[in-house]
C-alpha atoms as a PDB file:
ATOM      1  CA  MET A   1    -114.813 -81.042 -17.445  1.00  0.00           C
ATOM      2  CA  HIS A   2    -115.785 -79.287 -20.931  1.00  0.00           C
ATOM      3  CA  PHE A   3    -112.945 -81.635 -22.586  1.00  0.00           C
ATOM      4  CA  ILE A   4    -113.932 -84.877 -20.942  1.00  0.00           C
ATOM      5  CA  TRP A   5    -117.309 -84.187 -21.951  1.00  0.00           C
ATOM      6  CA  PHE A   6    -115.759 -83.533 -25.607  1.00  0.00           C
ATOM      7  CA  ILE A   7    -113.410 -86.333 -25.738  1.00  0.00           C
ATOM      8  CA  ILE A   8    -116.713 -88.791 -25.124  1.00  0.00           C
ATOM      9  CA  VAL A   9    -119.090 -87.350 -27.182  1.00  0.00           C
ATOM     10  CA  GLY A  10    -116.086 -87.149 -29.973  1.00  0.00           C
ATOM     11  CA  ALA A  11    -115.644 -91.358 -28.766  1.00  0.00           C
ATOM     12  CA  LEU A  12    -119.793 -91.706 -29.620  1.00  0.00           C
ATOM     13  CA  VAL A  13    -119.124 -89.316 -32.979  1.00  0.00           C
ATOM     14  CA  GLY A  14    -116.153 -91.587 -33.915  1.00  0.00           C
ATOM     15  CA  ALA A  15    -117.847 -95.045 -33.142  1.00  0.00           C
ATOM     16  CA  LEU A  16    -120.972 -94.036 -35.123  1.00  0.00           C
ATOM     17  CA  GLY A  17    -118.933 -93.026 -37.609  1.00  0.00           C
ATOM     18  CA  ARG A  18    -117.077 -97.013 -37.488  1.00  0.00           C
ATOM     19  CA  LEU A  19    -120.916 -98.538 -36.949  1.00  0.00           C
ATOM     20  CA  PHE A  20    -122.606 -97.194 -40.428  1.00  0.00           C
ATOM     21  CA  HIS A  21    -119.496 -97.078 -42.372  1.00  0.00           C
ATOM     22  CA  PRO A  22    -119.169-100.495 -43.946  1.00  0.00           C
ATOM     23  CA  GLY A  23    -116.777-103.452 -44.183  1.00  0.00           C
ATOM     24  CA  SER A  24    -113.375-103.013 -41.579  1.00  0.00           C
ATOM     25  CA  ASP A  25    -112.405-100.730 -40.068  1.00  0.00           C
ATOM     26  CA  PRO A  26    -108.133-101.095 -39.780  1.00  0.00           C
ATOM     27  CA  MET A  27    -107.538 -98.162 -36.661  1.00  0.00           C
ATOM     28  CA  GLY A  28    -107.740 -98.487 -33.233  1.00  0.00           C
ATOM     29  CA  TRP A  29    -109.683 -96.608 -30.450  1.00  0.00           C
ATOM     30  CA  LEU A  30    -107.302 -93.668 -29.698  1.00  0.00           C
ATOM     31  CA  LEU A  31    -107.592 -92.712 -33.570  1.00  0.00           C
ATOM     32  CA  THR A  32    -111.452 -93.172 -33.266  1.00  0.00           C
ATOM     33  CA  ILE A  33    -111.242 -90.721 -31.093  1.00  0.00           C
ATOM     34  CA  ALA A  34    -109.260 -88.282 -32.719  1.00  0.00           C
ATOM     35  CA  ILE A  35    -111.392 -88.749 -35.804  1.00  0.00           C
ATOM     36  CA  GLY A  36    -114.711 -87.979 -33.856  1.00  0.00           C
ATOM     37  CA  ILE A  37    -112.847 -85.151 -31.991  1.00  0.00           C
ATOM     38  CA  VAL A  38    -112.100 -82.978 -35.416  1.00  0.00           C
ATOM     39  CA  SER A  39    -115.618 -84.918 -36.844  1.00  0.00           C
ATOM     40  CA  LEU A  40    -117.368 -82.521 -34.049  1.00  0.00           C
ATOM     41  CA  LEU A  41    -114.906 -79.788 -34.811  1.00  0.00           C
ATOM     42  CA  VAL A  42    -116.068 -79.769 -38.621  1.00  0.00           C
ATOM     43  CA  ALA A  43    -119.657 -79.854 -37.292  1.00  0.00           C
ATOM     44  CA  ALA A  44    -119.255 -76.965 -34.316  1.00  0.00           C
ATOM     45  CA  ILE A  45    -118.348 -74.068 -37.468  1.00  0.00           C
ATOM     46  CA  ILE A  46    -120.283 -75.705 -39.633  1.00  0.00           C
ATOM     47  CA  SER A  47    -123.515 -74.909 -37.151  1.00  0.00           C
ATOM     48  CA  SER A  48    -124.370 -75.768 -33.682  1.00  0.00           C
ATOM     49  CA  GLY A  49    -126.699 -78.134 -31.520  1.00  0.00           C
ATOM     50  CA  TRP A  50    -128.185 -81.782 -33.071  1.00  0.00           C
ATOM     51  CA  LEU A  51    -127.693 -80.703 -36.347  1.00  0.00           C
ATOM     52  CA  ALA A  52    -124.306 -80.467 -35.648  1.00  0.00           C
ATOM     53  CA  PHE A  53    -124.325 -83.589 -33.719  1.00  0.00           C
ATOM     54  CA  ILE A  54    -125.630 -85.289 -36.762  1.00  0.00           C
ATOM     55  CA  ILE A  55    -122.812 -83.303 -39.515  1.00  0.00           C
ATOM     56  CA  GLY A  56    -120.344 -85.074 -36.607  1.00  0.00           C
ATOM     57  CA  VAL A  57    -121.333 -88.136 -37.351  1.00  0.00           C
ATOM     58  CA  ILE A  58    -121.859 -87.677 -41.365  1.00  0.00           C
ATOM     59  CA  VAL A  59    -118.141 -86.365 -41.224  1.00  0.00           C
ATOM     60  CA  ALA A  60    -116.748 -89.016 -39.397  1.00  0.00           C
ATOM     61  CA  VAL A  61    -117.918 -91.727 -41.572  1.00  0.00           C
ATOM     62  CA  ILE A  62    -116.201 -89.686 -44.779  1.00  0.00           C
ATOM     63  CA  LEU A  63    -113.050 -89.700 -42.270  1.00  0.00           C
ATOM     64  CA  VAL A  64    -113.667 -92.211 -41.447  1.00  0.00           C
ATOM     65  CA  ALA A  65    -113.670 -94.091 -45.117  1.00  0.00           C
ATOM     66  CA  LEU A  66    -110.341 -91.743 -45.950  1.00  0.00           C
ATOM     67  CA  VAL A  67    -108.094 -93.653 -42.910  1.00  0.00           C
ATOM     68  CA  GLY A  68    -109.392 -96.710 -43.816  1.00  0.00           C
ATOM     69  CA  ARG A  69    -108.077 -96.624 -47.361  1.00  0.00           C
ATOM     70  CA  MET A  70    -104.618 -94.532 -46.101  1.00  0.00           C
ATOM     71  CA  PHE A  71    -104.453 -97.727 -43.270  1.00  0.00           C
ATOM     72  CA  ALA A  72    -105.642-100.260 -45.451  1.00  0.00           C
ATOM     73  CA  GLY A  73    -102.375-102.254 -46.321  1.00  0.00           C
ATOM     74  CA  ARG A  74    -101.204-102.441 -43.011  1.00  0.00           C
ATOM     75  CA  GLY A  75    -101.448-105.276 -40.622  1.00  0.00           C
ATOM     76  CA  ARG A  76    -101.474-107.954 -43.741  1.00  0.00           C
ATOM     77  CA  SER A  77     -98.164-109.713 -44.798  1.00  0.00           C
ATOM     78  CA  ALA A  78     -97.307-108.759 -47.839  1.00  0.00           C
ATOM     79  CA  ALA A  79     -95.978-112.953 -48.162  1.00  0.00           C
ATOM     80  CA  ARG A  80     -98.593-115.505 -48.427  1.00  0.00           C
ATOM     81  CA  VAL A  81     -97.789-118.738 -48.944  1.00  0.00           C
END
């Protein structure tokens, strides 16, 4: 049951990270959940409780920005007429 709760909270943190990051993000929900879970793991190493949740959202914003830069060219056609 803890894994399901971790996935749900990871999805929430990832969604908040995408919400607080300006612009469009070229990623789906699975990548958003993965970013949320990774950011929660980093935040759990640093702190615990509500502070870890806040740190997790901040880390998620940073990870969304990094992933957005990595996948910025995908999905766009190179040949525009």
